[in-house]
Amino acid sequence: MRAFSMLARRLAIDFGFFKVWEERLVNPRNGHEGDYYTIDCPDWAVVVPYTTDGDLVMVKQWRFGARVVTIELPGGLIDEGEAPEEAAERELLEETGCRAERWTALGWIHPNPANQRNRCHVFLAEGCAWVGGQALDTGEDIEIVRVTEGSLASLLDEGGVTHAVVLAALHLADRARRGVGHA
């Protein structure tokens, strides 16, 4: 499989923390030219945090894109100059008030390679304990949800988690905790 050739590229919209590019590309298979739109935004970090007693710490929040309340994992944008693991630790503390004893980097995934270039770095945080309250951004309204190991399967089976990045992160963490895979 060959990469598409780029004939032109222009910045369509600059929203500050992300930019939308219009690109004129040529399909190498058939020579078709078309306009494609891509989004450049910072990488993300997501944390799969387990407490010292084995509960998974999740967060519940309103997502304006889907117009629903979702159950997710703590995480967010990696600030400029910040290492992914630093962002993971910061996001866990800000969104939940927790710190972890042990951290394992589980790799990264493409959140949406169809039109985004960024990566989401996934971390397993074990031995989490509450050390303070939440320190939410002005645009956040986050409720902490403790999920027991026994209830996680039911939550997933019943469609309680619909965020694709969260589902992928949970899968990577499950494999790592079982000693399967590369993490």
N, C-alpha and C. Protein backbone atom coordinates (compact mmCIF):
# COMPACT_ATOMS: atom_id res chain seq x y z
N MET A 1 0.85 -1.16 0.00
CA MET A 1 0.00 0.00 0.00
C MET A 1 0.90 1.23 0.00
N ARG A 2 0.59 2.18 -0.85
CA ARG A 2 1.39 3.40 -0.96
C ARG A 2 0.64 4.59 -0.38
N ALA A 3 1.41 5.57 0.06
CA ALA A 3 0.83 6.79 0.60
C ALA A 3 0.24 7.64 -0.52
N PHE A 4 -0.79 8.40 -0.20
CA PHE A 4 -1.35 9.36 -1.14
C PHE A 4 -0.33 10.48 -1.35
N SER A 5 -0.28 11.04 -2.54
CA SER A 5 0.60 12.18 -2.84
C SER A 5 -0.14 13.47 -2.54
N MET A 6 0.58 14.43 -1.98
CA MET A 6 -0.02 15.71 -1.65
C MET A 6 0.30 16.73 -2.73
N LEU A 7 -0.75 17.34 -3.29
CA LEU A 7 -0.58 18.39 -4.29
C LEU A 7 -0.57 19.77 -3.64
N ALA A 8 -1.37 19.94 -2.62
CA ALA A 8 -1.46 21.25 -1.95
C ALA A 8 -1.94 21.05 -0.52
N ARG A 9 -1.59 22.02 0.32
CA ARG A 9 -2.02 21.99 1.72
C ARG A 9 -2.18 23.43 2.19
N ARG A 10 -3.33 23.69 2.83
CA ARG A 10 -3.54 25.03 3.37
C ARG A 10 -4.26 24.92 4.72
N LEU A 11 -3.93 25.87 5.59
CA LEU A 11 -4.59 25.93 6.88
C LEU A 11 -6.00 26.46 6.67
N ALA A 12 -7.00 25.65 6.98
CA ALA A 12 -8.39 26.06 6.79
C ALA A 12 -8.90 26.84 7.99
N ILE A 13 -8.62 26.32 9.20
CA ILE A 13 -9.11 26.97 10.42
C ILE A 13 -8.08 26.75 11.53
N ASP A 14 -7.80 27.79 12.30
CA ASP A 14 -6.91 27.70 13.44
C ASP A 14 -7.70 28.02 14.70
N PHE A 15 -7.96 26.99 15.50
CA PHE A 15 -8.71 27.16 16.73
C PHE A 15 -7.80 27.30 17.95
N GLY A 16 -6.50 27.47 17.73
CA GLY A 16 -5.57 27.56 18.84
C GLY A 16 -5.05 26.21 19.24
N PHE A 17 -5.83 25.46 20.04
CA PHE A 17 -5.33 24.16 20.47
C PHE A 17 -5.47 23.07 19.41
N PHE A 18 -6.19 23.35 18.34
CA PHE A 18 -6.14 22.46 17.18
C PHE A 18 -6.37 23.24 15.91
N LYS A 19 -5.84 22.66 14.82
CA LYS A 19 -5.93 23.30 13.51
C LYS A 19 -6.55 22.31 12.52
N VAL A 20 -7.32 22.84 11.57
CA VAL A 20 -7.90 22.02 10.51
C VAL A 20 -7.19 22.38 9.22
N TRP A 21 -6.66 21.37 8.56
CA TRP A 21 -5.95 21.55 7.29
C TRP A 21 -6.77 20.98 6.14
N GLU A 22 -6.76 21.68 5.02
CA GLU A 22 -7.34 21.18 3.78
C GLU A 22 -6.18 20.72 2.91
N GLU A 23 -6.24 19.48 2.48
CA GLU A 23 -5.16 18.91 1.68
C GLU A 23 -5.72 18.33 0.38
N ARG A 24 -5.08 18.64 -0.69
CA ARG A 24 -5.42 18.07 -2.00
C ARG A 24 -4.51 16.88 -2.21
N LEU A 25 -5.11 15.68 -2.26
CA LEU A 25 -4.34 14.44 -2.33
C LEU A 25 -4.70 13.64 -3.58
N VAL A 26 -3.73 12.81 -3.99
CA VAL A 26 -3.93 11.94 -5.15
C VAL A 26 -3.85 10.49 -4.67
N ASN A 27 -4.88 9.71 -5.00
CA ASN A 27 -4.92 8.29 -4.68
C ASN A 27 -3.96 7.57 -5.61
N PRO A 28 -2.93 6.86 -5.09
CA PRO A 28 -1.97 6.18 -5.97
C PRO A 28 -2.57 4.99 -6.72
N ARG A 29 -3.68 4.47 -6.22
CA ARG A 29 -4.30 3.31 -6.87
C ARG A 29 -4.97 3.67 -8.18
N ASN A 30 -5.65 4.86 -8.19
CA ASN A 30 -6.44 5.18 -9.39
C ASN A 30 -6.24 6.60 -9.91
N GLY A 31 -5.35 7.37 -9.28
CA GLY A 31 -5.09 8.74 -9.73
C GLY A 31 -6.16 9.75 -9.35
N HIS A 32 -7.18 9.34 -8.60
CA HIS A 32 -8.24 10.27 -8.20
C HIS A 32 -7.68 11.37 -7.31
N GLU A 33 -8.03 12.62 -7.62
CA GLU A 33 -7.67 13.77 -6.78
C GLU A 33 -8.88 14.15 -5.93
N GLY A 34 -8.60 14.46 -4.67
CA GLY A 34 -9.69 14.87 -3.79
C GLY A 34 -9.20 15.75 -2.67
N ASP A 35 -10.13 16.48 -2.08
CA ASP A 35 -9.83 17.31 -0.92
C ASP A 35 -10.10 16.51 0.34
N TYR A 36 -9.14 16.54 1.25
CA TYR A 36 -9.24 15.83 2.52
C TYR A 36 -8.97 16.83 3.63
N TYR A 37 -9.62 16.63 4.76
CA TYR A 37 -9.46 17.54 5.89
C TYR A 37 -8.88 16.76 7.06
N THR A 38 -7.82 17.31 7.63
CA THR A 38 -7.17 16.67 8.76
C THR A 38 -7.11 17.64 9.93
N ILE A 39 -7.06 17.07 11.11
CA ILE A 39 -7.02 17.85 12.34
C ILE A 39 -5.69 17.62 13.02
N ASP A 40 -4.96 18.71 13.27
CA ASP A 40 -3.74 18.66 14.07
C ASP A 40 -4.07 19.14 15.46
N CYS A 41 -3.84 18.29 16.45
CA CYS A 41 -4.01 18.71 17.83
C CYS A 41 -2.95 18.00 18.66
N PRO A 42 -2.74 18.47 19.88
CA PRO A 42 -1.71 17.84 20.72
C PRO A 42 -2.04 16.38 21.01
N ASP A 43 -0.99 15.64 21.36
CA ASP A 43 -1.20 14.28 21.83
C ASP A 43 -1.98 14.31 23.13
N TRP A 44 -2.57 13.18 23.46
CA TRP A 44 -3.35 13.02 24.67
C TRP A 44 -2.68 12.00 25.57
N ALA A 45 -3.06 11.99 26.83
CA ALA A 45 -2.67 10.94 27.76
C ALA A 45 -3.95 10.45 28.43
N VAL A 46 -4.04 9.14 28.62
CA VAL A 46 -5.18 8.55 29.32
C VAL A 46 -4.62 7.57 30.35
N VAL A 47 -5.28 7.52 31.50
CA VAL A 47 -4.80 6.73 32.63
C VAL A 47 -5.84 5.68 32.99
N VAL A 48 -5.37 4.44 33.21
CA VAL A 48 -6.22 3.37 33.73
C VAL A 48 -5.78 3.17 35.19
N PRO A 49 -6.48 3.86 36.13
CA PRO A 49 -6.02 3.87 37.52
C PRO A 49 -6.75 2.86 38.41
N TYR A 50 -5.97 2.07 39.12
CA TYR A 50 -6.52 1.11 40.08
C TYR A 50 -6.10 1.50 41.50
N THR A 51 -7.05 1.47 42.41
CA THR A 51 -6.78 1.80 43.81
C THR A 51 -6.01 0.64 44.46
N THR A 52 -5.55 0.89 45.68
CA THR A 52 -4.84 -0.15 46.41
C THR A 52 -5.72 -1.36 46.70
N ASP A 53 -7.04 -1.16 46.75
CA ASP A 53 -7.95 -2.29 46.97
C ASP A 53 -8.53 -2.85 45.68
N GLY A 54 -8.00 -2.47 44.52
CA GLY A 54 -8.37 -3.09 43.26
C GLY A 54 -9.51 -2.45 42.50
N ASP A 55 -10.06 -1.34 42.99
CA ASP A 55 -11.13 -0.67 42.25
C ASP A 55 -10.54 0.18 41.12
N LEU A 56 -11.26 0.26 40.04
CA LEU A 56 -10.90 1.12 38.92
C LEU A 56 -11.51 2.49 39.16
N VAL A 57 -10.71 3.54 39.01
CA VAL A 57 -11.19 4.91 39.20
C VAL A 57 -11.54 5.47 37.82
N MET A 58 -12.82 5.74 37.62
CA MET A 58 -13.27 6.30 36.35
C MET A 58 -13.90 7.66 36.61
N VAL A 59 -14.23 8.36 35.56
CA VAL A 59 -14.85 9.67 35.69
C VAL A 59 -16.09 9.73 34.81
N LYS A 60 -17.06 10.48 35.29
CA LYS A 60 -18.31 10.67 34.55
C LYS A 60 -18.38 12.15 34.20
N GLN A 61 -18.66 12.43 32.91
CA GLN A 61 -18.74 13.83 32.49
C GLN A 61 -19.60 13.99 31.25
N TRP A 62 -20.12 15.20 31.08
CA TRP A 62 -20.90 15.57 29.91
C TRP A 62 -19.95 15.77 28.74
N ARG A 63 -20.26 15.18 27.59
CA ARG A 63 -19.46 15.36 26.38
C ARG A 63 -20.33 16.08 25.37
N PHE A 64 -19.96 17.33 25.07
CA PHE A 64 -20.80 18.16 24.21
C PHE A 64 -20.84 17.67 22.78
N GLY A 65 -19.80 16.97 22.30
CA GLY A 65 -19.83 16.45 20.93
C GLY A 65 -20.94 15.44 20.72
N ALA A 66 -21.01 14.46 21.62
CA ALA A 66 -22.04 13.41 21.54
C ALA A 66 -23.33 13.80 22.25
N ARG A 67 -23.28 14.87 23.04
CA ARG A 67 -24.43 15.36 23.81
C ARG A 67 -24.94 14.32 24.81
N VAL A 68 -23.98 13.65 25.47
CA VAL A 68 -24.32 12.63 26.47
C VAL A 68 -23.33 12.69 27.64
N VAL A 69 -23.75 12.11 28.75
CA VAL A 69 -22.84 11.90 29.87
C VAL A 69 -22.14 10.57 29.62
N THR A 70 -20.82 10.58 29.73
CA THR A 70 -20.05 9.36 29.49
C THR A 70 -19.29 8.95 30.74
N ILE A 71 -18.98 7.68 30.81
CA ILE A 71 -18.08 7.15 31.84
C ILE A 71 -16.77 6.87 31.14
N GLU A 72 -15.71 7.50 31.64
CA GLU A 72 -14.42 7.45 30.97
C GLU A 72 -13.31 7.22 31.97
N LEU A 73 -12.09 7.31 31.47
CA LEU A 73 -10.89 7.27 32.29
C LEU A 73 -10.34 8.69 32.40
N PRO A 74 -9.62 8.99 33.46
CA PRO A 74 -8.98 10.30 33.55
C PRO A 74 -7.98 10.48 32.40
N GLY A 75 -7.91 11.69 31.89
CA GLY A 75 -6.95 11.96 30.82
C GLY A 75 -7.20 13.30 30.18
N GLY A 76 -6.34 13.65 29.25
CA GLY A 76 -6.51 14.91 28.55
C GLY A 76 -5.32 15.25 27.69
N LEU A 77 -5.29 16.49 27.23
CA LEU A 77 -4.24 16.97 26.34
C LEU A 77 -2.89 17.03 27.06
N ILE A 78 -1.85 16.71 26.32
CA ILE A 78 -0.49 16.87 26.81
C ILE A 78 -0.07 18.30 26.49
N ASP A 79 0.31 19.04 27.52
CA ASP A 79 0.71 20.43 27.34
C ASP A 79 2.03 20.51 26.59
N GLU A 80 2.24 21.63 25.90
CA GLU A 80 3.49 21.84 25.17
C GLU A 80 4.67 21.74 26.13
N GLY A 81 5.67 20.93 25.75
CA GLY A 81 6.86 20.73 26.56
C GLY A 81 6.71 19.71 27.66
N GLU A 82 5.53 19.14 27.81
CA GLU A 82 5.24 18.16 28.86
C GLU A 82 5.43 16.75 28.30
N ALA A 83 6.05 15.88 29.07
CA ALA A 83 6.20 14.47 28.68
C ALA A 83 4.86 13.76 28.89
N PRO A 84 4.56 12.74 28.09
CA PRO A 84 3.28 12.03 28.25
C PRO A 84 3.05 11.52 29.67
N GLU A 85 4.08 10.98 30.31
CA GLU A 85 3.89 10.46 31.67
C GLU A 85 3.62 11.59 32.67
N GLU A 86 4.19 12.76 32.45
CA GLU A 86 3.89 13.91 33.31
C GLU A 86 2.43 14.33 33.15
N ALA A 87 1.97 14.34 31.91
CA ALA A 87 0.57 14.70 31.65
C ALA A 87 -0.37 13.69 32.29
N ALA A 88 -0.03 12.40 32.22
CA ALA A 88 -0.86 11.37 32.81
C ALA A 88 -0.97 11.57 34.33
N GLU A 89 0.16 11.82 34.98
CA GLU A 89 0.15 12.05 36.43
C GLU A 89 -0.66 13.30 36.78
N ARG A 90 -0.47 14.37 36.00
CA ARG A 90 -1.19 15.62 36.23
C ARG A 90 -2.69 15.44 36.06
N GLU A 91 -3.10 14.79 34.96
CA GLU A 91 -4.53 14.59 34.70
C GLU A 91 -5.18 13.72 35.77
N LEU A 92 -4.49 12.68 36.20
CA LEU A 92 -5.05 11.82 37.25
C LEU A 92 -5.28 12.63 38.53
N LEU A 93 -4.29 13.43 38.91
CA LEU A 93 -4.41 14.24 40.12
C LEU A 93 -5.51 15.30 39.97
N GLU A 94 -5.53 16.01 38.84
CA GLU A 94 -6.52 17.07 38.64
C GLU A 94 -7.96 16.53 38.61
N GLU A 95 -8.17 15.43 37.91
CA GLU A 95 -9.53 14.94 37.71
C GLU A 95 -10.05 14.09 38.87
N THR A 96 -9.14 13.46 39.62
CA THR A 96 -9.60 12.56 40.68
C THR A 96 -9.05 12.87 42.06
N GLY A 97 -7.95 13.61 42.13
CA GLY A 97 -7.30 13.84 43.41
C GLY A 97 -6.43 12.67 43.84
N CYS A 98 -6.15 11.73 42.91
CA CYS A 98 -5.36 10.54 43.22
C CYS A 98 -3.91 10.66 42.74
N ARG A 99 -3.05 9.95 43.46
CA ARG A 99 -1.67 9.70 43.02
C ARG A 99 -1.47 8.19 43.03
N ALA A 100 -0.60 7.73 42.14
CA ALA A 100 -0.34 6.30 42.01
C ALA A 100 1.05 5.94 42.51
N GLU A 101 1.17 4.74 43.05
CA GLU A 101 2.47 4.22 43.49
C GLU A 101 3.29 3.70 42.31
N ARG A 102 2.63 3.06 41.35
CA ARG A 102 3.34 2.43 40.23
C ARG A 102 2.71 2.85 38.90
N TRP A 103 3.57 3.17 37.96
CA TRP A 103 3.12 3.58 36.62
C TRP A 103 3.73 2.65 35.59
N THR A 104 2.92 2.26 34.60
CA THR A 104 3.39 1.46 33.48
C THR A 104 2.90 2.11 32.20
N ALA A 105 3.83 2.43 31.31
CA ALA A 105 3.45 2.95 30.00
C ALA A 105 3.00 1.77 29.14
N LEU A 106 1.81 1.87 28.57
CA LEU A 106 1.25 0.78 27.77
C LEU A 106 1.34 1.04 26.27
N GLY A 107 2.02 2.11 25.88
CA GLY A 107 2.15 2.44 24.47
C GLY A 107 1.19 3.55 24.08
N TRP A 108 0.96 3.69 22.79
CA TRP A 108 0.06 4.73 22.31
C TRP A 108 -0.82 4.18 21.20
N ILE A 109 -1.93 4.87 21.00
CA ILE A 109 -2.88 4.50 19.95
C ILE A 109 -3.23 5.76 19.15
N HIS A 110 -3.68 5.57 17.92
CA HIS A 110 -4.24 6.68 17.15
C HIS A 110 -5.72 6.79 17.51
N PRO A 111 -6.16 7.92 18.08
CA PRO A 111 -7.58 8.05 18.43
C PRO A 111 -8.51 7.98 17.23
N ASN A 112 -8.12 8.59 16.12
CA ASN A 112 -8.95 8.59 14.92
C ASN A 112 -8.06 8.88 13.71
N PRO A 113 -7.35 7.86 13.20
CA PRO A 113 -6.39 8.08 12.12
C PRO A 113 -7.02 8.50 10.79
N ALA A 114 -8.34 8.45 10.69
CA ALA A 114 -8.99 8.88 9.45
C ALA A 114 -8.76 10.36 9.19
N ASN A 115 -8.74 11.15 10.28
CA ASN A 115 -8.54 12.59 10.05
C ASN A 115 -7.77 13.30 11.17
N GLN A 116 -7.15 12.54 12.08
CA GLN A 116 -6.35 13.15 13.13
C GLN A 116 -4.95 12.55 13.12
N ARG A 117 -3.96 13.40 13.37
CA ARG A 117 -2.57 12.94 13.40
C ARG A 117 -2.08 12.64 14.81
N ASN A 118 -2.81 13.05 15.83
CA ASN A 118 -2.29 12.91 17.19
C ASN A 118 -2.33 11.48 17.68
N ARG A 119 -1.64 11.27 18.79
CA ARG A 119 -1.60 9.97 19.44
C ARG A 119 -2.14 10.10 20.86
N CYS A 120 -2.64 9.01 21.38
CA CYS A 120 -3.09 8.95 22.77
C CYS A 120 -2.18 7.96 23.49
N HIS A 121 -1.44 8.45 24.47
CA HIS A 121 -0.52 7.64 25.26
C HIS A 121 -1.29 7.04 26.43
N VAL A 122 -1.16 5.73 26.60
CA VAL A 122 -1.95 5.00 27.59
C VAL A 122 -1.04 4.56 28.74
N PHE A 123 -1.51 4.80 29.96
CA PHE A 123 -0.75 4.45 31.16
C PHE A 123 -1.61 3.67 32.14
N LEU A 124 -1.01 2.67 32.75
CA LEU A 124 -1.61 1.93 33.84
C LEU A 124 -1.05 2.54 35.13
N ALA A 125 -1.93 2.93 36.03
CA ALA A 125 -1.54 3.50 37.32
C ALA A 125 -2.09 2.60 38.42
N GLU A 126 -1.20 2.01 39.20
CA GLU A 126 -1.63 1.08 40.25
C GLU A 126 -1.26 1.63 41.62
N GLY A 127 -2.01 1.19 42.61
CA GLY A 127 -1.78 1.65 43.98
C GLY A 127 -2.23 3.08 44.17
N CYS A 128 -3.33 3.45 43.52
CA CYS A 128 -3.83 4.82 43.61
C CYS A 128 -4.48 5.08 44.97
N ALA A 129 -4.22 6.26 45.47
CA ALA A 129 -4.83 6.70 46.73
C ALA A 129 -5.17 8.18 46.59
N TRP A 130 -6.23 8.58 47.29
CA TRP A 130 -6.66 9.98 47.26
C TRP A 130 -5.74 10.80 48.15
N VAL A 131 -5.19 11.87 47.58
CA VAL A 131 -4.29 12.75 48.33
C VAL A 131 -4.84 14.17 48.40
N GLY A 132 -5.97 14.40 47.77
CA GLY A 132 -6.58 15.73 47.77
C GLY A 132 -7.85 15.72 46.96
N GLY A 133 -8.39 16.91 46.77
CA GLY A 133 -9.61 17.04 45.97
C GLY A 133 -9.30 17.27 44.51
N GLN A 134 -10.32 17.32 43.72
CA GLN A 134 -10.18 17.59 42.30
C GLN A 134 -9.72 19.04 42.08
N ALA A 135 -9.02 19.26 40.98
CA ALA A 135 -8.59 20.61 40.57
C ALA A 135 -8.99 20.76 39.11
N LEU A 136 -10.30 20.92 38.89
CA LEU A 136 -10.85 20.89 37.54
C LEU A 136 -10.64 22.21 36.81
N ASP A 137 -10.50 22.10 35.47
CA ASP A 137 -10.48 23.28 34.61
C ASP A 137 -11.86 23.93 34.66
N THR A 138 -11.94 25.19 34.27
CA THR A 138 -13.21 25.90 34.32
C THR A 138 -14.29 25.26 33.45
N GLY A 139 -13.91 24.56 32.38
CA GLY A 139 -14.89 23.94 31.49
C GLY A 139 -15.22 22.50 31.84
N GLU A 140 -14.70 22.01 32.97
CA GLU A 140 -14.93 20.61 33.35
C GLU A 140 -15.95 20.50 34.49
N ASP A 141 -16.73 19.44 34.44
CA ASP A 141 -17.65 19.07 35.50
C ASP A 141 -17.56 17.55 35.58
N ILE A 142 -16.73 17.06 36.47
CA ILE A 142 -16.38 15.63 36.50
C ILE A 142 -16.76 15.01 37.83
N GLU A 143 -17.44 13.87 37.75
CA GLU A 143 -17.79 13.08 38.93
C GLU A 143 -16.92 11.84 38.94
N ILE A 144 -16.35 11.50 40.09
CA ILE A 144 -15.51 10.30 40.22
C ILE A 144 -16.41 9.09 40.39
N VAL A 145 -16.07 8.01 39.69
CA VAL A 145 -16.83 6.76 39.76
C VAL A 145 -15.85 5.63 40.08
N ARG A 146 -16.09 4.95 41.20
CA ARG A 146 -15.28 3.78 41.54
C ARG A 146 -15.98 2.54 41.01
N VAL A 147 -15.25 1.75 40.25
CA VAL A 147 -15.81 0.55 39.64
C VAL A 147 -15.06 -0.66 40.18
N THR A 148 -15.78 -1.56 40.82
CA THR A 148 -15.13 -2.77 41.33
C THR A 148 -14.79 -3.69 40.17
N GLU A 149 -13.79 -4.53 40.39
CA GLU A 149 -13.42 -5.48 39.33
C GLU A 149 -14.61 -6.34 38.94
N GLY A 150 -15.43 -6.70 39.92
CA GLY A 150 -16.60 -7.53 39.64
C GLY A 150 -17.66 -6.83 38.81
N SER A 151 -17.74 -5.51 38.90
CA SER A 151 -18.77 -4.80 38.15
C SER A 151 -18.29 -4.22 36.81
N LEU A 152 -16.98 -4.26 36.56
CA LEU A 152 -16.46 -3.71 35.30
C LEU A 152 -17.01 -4.46 34.10
N ALA A 153 -17.02 -5.77 34.15
CA ALA A 153 -17.53 -6.56 33.02
C ALA A 153 -18.98 -6.21 32.72
N SER A 154 -19.80 -6.08 33.75
CA SER A 154 -21.21 -5.72 33.54
C SER A 154 -21.34 -4.33 32.94
N LEU A 155 -20.54 -3.39 33.44
CA LEU A 155 -20.57 -2.03 32.90
C LEU A 155 -20.25 -2.04 31.41
N LEU A 156 -19.24 -2.81 31.02
CA LEU A 156 -18.86 -2.89 29.61
C LEU A 156 -19.92 -3.64 28.79
N ASP A 157 -20.40 -4.76 29.32
CA ASP A 157 -21.40 -5.56 28.59
C ASP A 157 -22.70 -4.79 28.37
N GLU A 158 -23.05 -3.92 29.30
CA GLU A 158 -24.30 -3.16 29.20
C GLU A 158 -24.15 -1.86 28.41
N GLY A 159 -22.98 -1.63 27.82
CA GLY A 159 -22.77 -0.42 27.03
C GLY A 159 -22.56 0.82 27.87
N GLY A 160 -22.12 0.65 29.11
CA GLY A 160 -21.90 1.79 30.00
C GLY A 160 -20.68 2.62 29.64
N VAL A 161 -19.79 2.05 28.83
CA VAL A 161 -18.61 2.77 28.35
C VAL A 161 -18.66 2.73 26.82
N THR A 162 -18.73 3.92 26.21
CA THR A 162 -18.85 3.99 24.75
C THR A 162 -17.70 4.72 24.08
N HIS A 163 -16.81 5.30 24.85
CA HIS A 163 -15.68 6.05 24.32
C HIS A 163 -14.64 5.06 23.79
N ALA A 164 -14.35 5.12 22.50
CA ALA A 164 -13.46 4.15 21.87
C ALA A 164 -12.05 4.16 22.46
N VAL A 165 -11.52 5.33 22.77
CA VAL A 165 -10.18 5.41 23.36
C VAL A 165 -10.17 4.74 24.73
N VAL A 166 -11.22 4.93 25.50
CA VAL A 166 -11.32 4.32 26.83
C VAL A 166 -11.38 2.80 26.70
N LEU A 167 -12.17 2.31 25.77
CA LEU A 167 -12.27 0.86 25.57
C LEU A 167 -10.91 0.27 25.16
N ALA A 168 -10.19 0.95 24.29
CA ALA A 168 -8.86 0.48 23.87
C ALA A 168 -7.90 0.50 25.05
N ALA A 169 -7.93 1.56 25.86
CA ALA A 169 -7.04 1.67 27.01
C ALA A 169 -7.34 0.57 28.03
N LEU A 170 -8.63 0.31 28.28
CA LEU A 170 -9.00 -0.76 29.20
C LEU A 170 -8.49 -2.11 28.71
N HIS A 171 -8.57 -2.33 27.41
CA HIS A 171 -8.07 -3.58 26.82
C HIS A 171 -6.56 -3.71 27.03
N LEU A 172 -5.81 -2.63 26.75
CA LEU A 172 -4.36 -2.67 26.93
C LEU A 172 -4.00 -2.91 28.39
N ALA A 173 -4.70 -2.25 29.30
CA ALA A 173 -4.42 -2.42 30.72
C ALA A 173 -4.75 -3.83 31.20
N ASP A 174 -5.85 -4.38 30.73
CA ASP A 174 -6.24 -5.74 31.09
C ASP A 174 -5.17 -6.73 30.66
N ARG A 175 -4.68 -6.57 29.43
CA ARG A 175 -3.62 -7.46 28.93
C ARG A 175 -2.35 -7.32 29.77
N ALA A 176 -1.99 -6.09 30.10
CA ALA A 176 -0.78 -5.87 30.90
C ALA A 176 -0.92 -6.48 32.29
N ARG A 177 -2.08 -6.33 32.90
CA ARG A 177 -2.29 -6.87 34.25
C ARG A 177 -2.31 -8.39 34.25
N ARG A 178 -2.67 -8.98 33.11
CA ARG A 178 -2.65 -10.44 33.00
C ARG A 178 -1.31 -10.96 32.49
N GLY A 179 -0.38 -10.05 32.19
CA GLY A 179 0.93 -10.45 31.69
C GLY A 179 0.95 -10.87 30.25
N VAL A 180 -0.02 -10.36 29.47
CA VAL A 180 -0.12 -10.71 28.05
C VAL A 180 0.27 -9.49 27.24
N GLY A 181 0.94 -9.68 26.13
CA GLY A 181 1.25 -8.56 25.25
C GLY A 181 2.62 -7.97 25.54
N HIS A 182 2.86 -6.80 24.97
CA HIS A 182 4.18 -6.20 25.02
C HIS A 182 4.41 -5.25 26.18
N ALA A 183 3.36 -4.91 26.92
CA ALA A 183 3.53 -3.91 27.99
C ALA A 183 4.18 -4.50 29.22
